[in-house]
Amino acid sequence: MEIKVLYFGEIAEWKGCAEELKQLNSSITTDEFVGSLVKEIPQLTQINYAIAVNQNMIDAPVELLNGYEVSVFPPFAGG
């Protein structure tokens, strides 16, 4: 299974890239996926980031399926 991951702002800087394709052995939830990202990008524990799946912001776990796109956003500034 393959998903596309997009990183924005300081998260892209920490990761060292703006996007990548991730190969997963099976479908997982966004919570499980974020847990694996924290191992790669430990700075995520220090900020309030947001997750979007297929360009839709989420506030509850979503099952990731083959071909999905996950975006990881740093904190937003409002105005």
Protein backbone atom coordinates (compact mmCIF):
# COMPACT_ATOMS: atom_id res chain seq x y z
CA MET A 1 0.00 0.00 0.00
CA GLU A 2 1.29 3.46 -0.87
CA ILE A 3 0.30 6.89 0.44
CA LYS A 4 1.59 10.33 -0.44
CA VAL A 5 2.64 12.50 2.49
CA LEU A 6 2.96 16.29 2.20
CA TYR A 7 4.85 18.31 4.81
CA PHE A 8 4.46 22.06 5.27
CA GLY A 9 6.40 24.86 6.98
CA GLU A 10 8.77 23.93 9.75
CA ILE A 11 7.65 20.30 9.58
CA ALA A 12 9.03 20.08 6.02
CA GLU A 13 12.28 21.61 7.29
CA TRP A 14 12.53 19.06 10.11
CA LYS A 15 11.74 16.20 7.76
CA GLY A 16 14.12 17.47 5.07
CA CYS A 17 11.54 17.23 2.27
CA ALA A 18 8.15 18.62 1.30
CA GLU A 19 6.66 15.33 0.13
CA GLU A 20 7.33 11.63 -0.06
CA LEU A 21 5.66 8.36 -0.90
CA LYS A 22 5.34 5.95 2.01
CA GLN A 23 5.01 2.23 1.55
CA LEU A 24 2.85 0.60 4.22
CA ASN A 25 2.29 -3.12 4.75
CA SER A 26 -1.42 -2.72 5.51
CA SER A 27 -4.05 -0.10 6.11
CA ILE A 28 -3.60 1.87 9.33
CA THR A 29 -5.34 4.77 11.02
CA THR A 30 -4.07 8.33 10.98
CA ASP A 31 -3.30 7.99 14.70
CA GLU A 32 -1.05 4.99 14.02
CA PHE A 33 0.58 6.78 11.11
CA VAL A 34 1.25 9.91 13.17
CA GLY A 35 2.80 7.69 15.85
CA SER A 36 5.31 6.47 13.27
CA LEU A 37 5.94 10.05 12.08
CA VAL A 38 6.78 11.16 15.63
CA LYS A 39 9.57 8.58 15.64
CA GLU A 40 10.96 10.18 12.44
CA ILE A 41 10.23 13.79 13.44
CA PRO A 42 10.40 14.01 17.26
CA GLN A 43 9.81 17.79 17.14
CA LEU A 44 6.13 17.04 16.39
CA THR A 45 5.64 16.43 20.11
CA GLN A 46 6.45 20.11 20.74
CA ILE A 47 3.81 21.69 18.47
CA ASN A 48 0.09 21.52 17.75
CA TYR A 49 0.01 20.28 14.17
CA ALA A 50 -2.97 19.48 11.96
CA ILE A 51 -3.59 16.52 9.66
CA ALA A 52 -5.57 16.45 6.43
CA VAL A 53 -6.51 13.33 4.48
CA ASN A 54 -7.27 13.79 0.80
CA GLN A 55 -7.37 17.57 1.34
CA ASN A 56 -9.93 17.36 4.17
CA MET A 57 -8.92 18.43 7.67
CA ILE A 58 -9.65 15.71 10.21
CA ASP A 59 -10.32 15.78 13.94
CA ALA A 60 -10.79 12.04 14.48
CA PRO A 61 -8.85 9.00 13.33
CA VAL A 62 -9.33 7.98 9.69
CA GLU A 63 -8.33 4.69 8.08
CA LEU A 64 -5.66 5.27 5.44
CA LEU A 65 -6.07 3.31 2.24
CA ASN A 66 -3.92 2.83 -0.83
CA GLY A 67 -3.50 6.02 -2.83
CA TYR A 68 -4.56 8.39 -0.04
CA GLU A 69 -2.80 11.71 0.50
CA VAL A 70 -1.89 12.85 4.01
CA SER A 71 -0.85 16.45 4.73
CA VAL A 72 0.89 17.52 7.92
CA PHE A 73 0.53 21.21 8.79
CA PRO A 74 2.31 23.27 11.44
CA PRO A 75 0.25 25.56 13.71
CA PHE A 76 -1.78 28.13 11.81
CA ALA A 77 -1.58 31.87 12.43
CA GLY A 78 -4.92 33.61 12.37
CA GLY A 79 -5.80 37.08 11.37
